[in-house]
């Protein structure tokens, strides 16, 4: 009986260790794919490049994800989870909380999104992700700032979508070299101006 229990415990440990190693490998592969997608063309994120970045074989990548599309879906799913976790729980009408979450999102995901935007006219994967991002951002703006608007017209929402757009962050942070706090101050001014003029 004791030997049987030890064997069961040993098998449980082996399964737990195997599951943990499999999860680590999946994360490593997803990390490698995301790094490629953040800096280069989506078409350059081949199975071979992803495997090399993760330090595994192509067969290992396929075993974990089935195909290149499976890896891309895992990356998009991961990014979507981070976006929803960071921006999804902001209380409606809290401008400061909304700007904090938005700018944290841009600081962590902005370069990846800009890279996808640069490819949306030539790559259907990029086009699909970017379309989702635009729809999500507009809905987020309506939910977060809508209670502060006098009527919530299309023009008012458009003004806030523009004031909080990723390209405003890019202009301030990447093109003009402003600090995160300086970029926040400018975007806060734009948002408050859009709300105040409604």
Protein backbone atom coordinates (compact mmCIF):
# COMPACT_ATOMS: atom_id res chain seq x y z
CA UNK A 1 0.00 0.00 0.00
CA UNK A 2 2.83 2.40 0.91
CA UNK A 3 4.66 1.55 -2.33
CA UNK A 4 1.46 2.15 -4.27
CA UNK A 5 1.00 5.56 -2.65
CA UNK A 6 4.60 6.49 -3.43
CA UNK A 7 4.13 5.48 -7.05
CA UNK A 8 0.96 7.57 -7.28
CA UNK A 9 2.72 10.57 -5.72
CA UNK A 10 5.65 10.13 -8.10
CA UNK A 11 3.32 10.03 -11.12
CA UNK A 12 1.44 13.11 -9.88
CA UNK A 13 4.72 14.96 -9.43
CA UNK A 14 5.89 13.92 -12.91
CA UNK A 15 2.61 15.10 -14.45
CA UNK A 16 2.78 18.41 -12.60
CA UNK A 17 6.36 18.94 -13.67
CA UNK A 18 5.50 18.02 -17.25
CA UNK A 19 2.53 20.40 -17.28
CA UNK A 20 4.64 23.21 -15.85
CA UNK A 21 7.38 22.68 -18.43
CA UNK A 22 4.80 22.57 -21.23
CA UNK A 23 3.31 25.87 -20.03
CA UNK A 24 6.78 27.43 -19.86
CA UNK A 25 7.50 26.28 -23.41
CA UNK A 26 4.18 27.69 -24.66
CA UNK A 27 4.94 31.02 -22.97
CA UNK A 28 8.43 31.10 -24.43
CA UNK A 29 7.09 30.46 -27.93
CA UNK A 30 4.36 33.10 -27.51
CA UNK A 31 6.94 35.59 -26.20
CA UNK A 32 9.14 34.98 -29.23
CA UNK A 33 6.23 35.42 -31.63
CA UNK A 34 5.10 38.62 -29.91
CA UNK A 35 8.63 40.05 -30.07
CA UNK A 36 8.76 39.41 -33.81
CA UNK A 37 5.31 40.92 -34.37
CA UNK A 38 6.25 44.05 -32.42
CA UNK A 39 9.23 44.89 -34.61
CA UNK A 40 8.90 43.41 -38.07
CA UNK A 41 6.54 42.35 -40.80
CA UNK A 42 3.92 39.80 -39.81
CA UNK A 43 5.07 37.68 -42.75
CA UNK A 44 8.54 37.51 -41.15
CA UNK A 45 7.09 35.76 -38.10
CA UNK A 46 7.54 32.34 -39.67
CA UNK A 47 7.55 29.05 -37.79
CA UNK A 48 11.32 28.93 -38.20
CA UNK A 49 11.85 32.46 -36.87
CA UNK A 50 9.52 31.89 -33.93
CA UNK A 51 11.19 28.59 -33.07
CA UNK A 52 14.64 30.18 -33.24
CA UNK A 53 13.52 33.03 -31.00
CA UNK A 54 12.13 30.59 -28.45
CA UNK A 55 15.14 28.27 -28.64
CA UNK A 56 13.05 25.26 -29.64
CA UNK A 57 12.49 23.21 -32.77
CA UNK A 58 9.79 23.90 -35.35
CA UNK A 59 8.27 20.53 -34.42
CA UNK A 60 7.91 21.73 -30.81
CA UNK A 61 6.15 24.88 -31.97
CA UNK A 62 3.74 22.88 -34.12
CA UNK A 63 3.13 20.39 -31.32
CA UNK A 64 2.06 23.18 -28.96
CA UNK A 65 0.11 25.40 -31.37
CA UNK A 66 -0.76 23.29 -34.39
CA UNK A 67 0.21 25.94 -36.93
CA UNK A 68 1.51 29.46 -37.42
CA UNK A 69 -2.07 30.74 -37.23
CA UNK A 70 -2.40 29.05 -33.86
CA UNK A 71 0.56 31.01 -32.55
CA UNK A 72 -0.74 34.30 -33.94
CA UNK A 73 -4.10 33.69 -32.29
CA UNK A 74 -2.33 33.02 -29.00
CA UNK A 75 -0.47 36.33 -29.26
CA UNK A 76 -3.62 38.29 -30.16
CA UNK A 77 -5.46 36.59 -27.30
CA UNK A 78 -2.71 37.47 -24.86
CA UNK A 79 -2.64 41.12 -25.96
CA UNK A 80 -6.44 41.32 -25.78
CA UNK A 81 -6.39 39.94 -22.22
CA UNK A 82 -3.87 42.59 -21.17
CA UNK A 83 -5.91 45.37 -22.78
CA UNK A 84 -9.14 44.23 -21.17
CA UNK A 85 -7.46 43.79 -17.79
CA UNK A 86 -5.91 47.26 -17.93
CA UNK A 87 -8.70 49.26 -19.55
CA UNK A 88 -11.80 47.17 -19.00
CA UNK A 89 -12.47 47.94 -15.35
CA UNK A 90 -12.24 51.74 -15.48
CA UNK A 91 -15.31 53.34 -13.84
CA UNK A 92 -17.38 55.46 -16.19
CA UNK A 93 -16.74 59.16 -15.73
CA UNK A 94 -13.30 58.84 -14.07
CA UNK A 95 -11.05 60.82 -16.40
CA UNK A 96 -7.87 60.37 -14.37
CA UNK A 97 -8.27 56.60 -14.10
CA UNK A 98 -9.10 56.35 -17.80
CA UNK A 99 -6.01 58.33 -18.82
CA UNK A 100 -3.78 56.31 -16.48
CA UNK A 101 -5.00 53.01 -17.94
CA UNK A 102 -4.85 54.29 -21.51
CA UNK A 103 -1.29 55.59 -21.24
CA UNK A 104 -0.07 52.46 -19.47
CA UNK A 105 -1.57 50.50 -22.36
CA UNK A 106 0.16 52.69 -24.94
CA UNK A 107 3.51 52.50 -23.13
CA UNK A 108 3.38 48.68 -23.03
CA UNK A 109 1.58 47.88 -26.30
CA UNK A 110 1.97 51.03 -28.40
CA UNK A 111 4.92 49.93 -30.51
CA UNK A 112 3.28 46.60 -31.33
CA UNK A 113 0.05 48.33 -32.36
CA UNK A 114 1.91 50.90 -34.46
CA UNK A 115 3.71 48.08 -36.24
CA UNK A 116 0.38 46.41 -37.00
CA UNK A 117 -1.12 49.71 -38.18
CA UNK A 118 1.75 50.10 -40.64
CA UNK A 119 0.77 46.75 -42.22
CA UNK A 120 -3.02 46.89 -42.16
CA UNK A 121 -3.36 47.62 -45.88
CA UNK A 122 -1.16 44.71 -46.91
CA UNK A 123 -1.79 42.00 -44.33
CA UNK A 124 -5.21 40.55 -43.46
CA UNK A 125 -4.06 39.48 -39.98
CA UNK A 126 -2.98 43.02 -39.17
CA UNK A 127 -6.19 44.40 -40.65
CA UNK A 128 -8.34 42.18 -38.45
CA UNK A 129 -6.49 43.03 -35.24
CA UNK A 130 -6.46 46.75 -36.02
CA UNK A 131 -10.19 46.74 -36.78
CA UNK A 132 -10.89 45.12 -33.42
CA UNK A 133 -8.66 47.72 -31.72
CA UNK A 134 -10.45 50.66 -33.32
CA UNK A 135 -13.88 49.30 -32.42
CA UNK A 136 -12.77 48.58 -28.86
CA UNK A 137 -11.23 52.04 -28.41
CA UNK A 138 -14.36 53.85 -29.58
CA UNK A 139 -16.58 51.75 -27.32
CA UNK A 140 -14.17 52.38 -24.43
CA UNK A 141 -14.29 56.14 -25.03
CA UNK A 142 -18.09 56.12 -25.10
CA UNK A 143 -18.27 54.14 -21.86
CA UNK A 144 -15.57 56.05 -19.95
CA UNK A 145 -16.39 59.60 -21.03
CA UNK A 146 -20.01 59.35 -22.16
CA UNK A 147 -21.50 60.30 -18.74
CA UNK A 148 -19.50 63.55 -18.84
CA UNK A 149 -20.86 64.69 -22.19
CA UNK A 150 -23.89 66.90 -22.62
CA UNK A 151 -25.44 64.83 -25.38
CA UNK A 152 -22.95 62.18 -26.57
CA UNK A 153 -23.21 63.14 -30.21
CA UNK A 154 -21.01 61.54 -32.85
CA UNK A 155 -18.98 64.75 -33.00
CA UNK A 156 -18.33 64.72 -29.24
CA UNK A 157 -17.27 61.08 -29.29
CA UNK A 158 -15.10 61.71 -32.35
CA UNK A 159 -13.33 64.53 -30.51
CA UNK A 160 -12.51 62.23 -27.58
CA UNK A 161 -11.47 59.36 -29.83
CA UNK A 162 -9.06 61.76 -31.55
CA UNK A 163 -7.79 63.21 -28.25
CA UNK A 164 -6.96 59.74 -26.93
CA UNK A 165 -5.72 58.20 -30.17
CA UNK A 166 -2.52 56.17 -30.26
CA UNK A 167 -1.04 58.55 -32.84
CA UNK A 168 -1.31 61.43 -30.35
CA UNK A 169 0.75 59.35 -27.92
CA UNK A 170 3.20 58.51 -30.74
CA UNK A 171 3.57 62.18 -31.67
CA UNK A 172 4.29 63.19 -28.09
CA UNK A 173 6.36 60.25 -26.87
CA UNK A 174 8.18 58.96 -29.93
CA UNK A 175 8.32 61.88 -32.37
CA UNK A 176 8.72 64.77 -29.93
CA UNK A 177 10.46 62.80 -27.17
CA UNK A 178 8.21 64.00 -24.37
CA UNK A 179 8.23 62.20 -21.04
CA UNK A 180 5.27 60.00 -20.02
CA UNK A 181 4.10 62.68 -17.56
CA UNK A 182 4.36 65.42 -20.19
CA UNK A 183 2.42 63.31 -22.69
CA UNK A 184 -0.23 62.65 -20.07
CA UNK A 185 -0.55 66.39 -19.33
CA UNK A 186 -1.12 67.20 -23.00
CA UNK A 187 -3.63 64.38 -23.53
CA UNK A 188 -5.43 65.34 -20.33
CA UNK A 189 -5.76 68.89 -21.64
CA UNK A 190 -7.16 67.60 -24.93
CA UNK A 191 -9.66 65.32 -23.19
CA UNK A 192 -10.86 67.99 -20.79
CA UNK A 193 -11.17 70.47 -23.66
CA UNK A 194 -13.28 67.97 -25.61
CA UNK A 195 -15.48 67.32 -22.58
CA UNK A 196 -15.75 71.01 -21.70
CA UNK A 197 -16.82 72.00 -25.20
CA UNK A 198 -19.58 69.40 -25.33
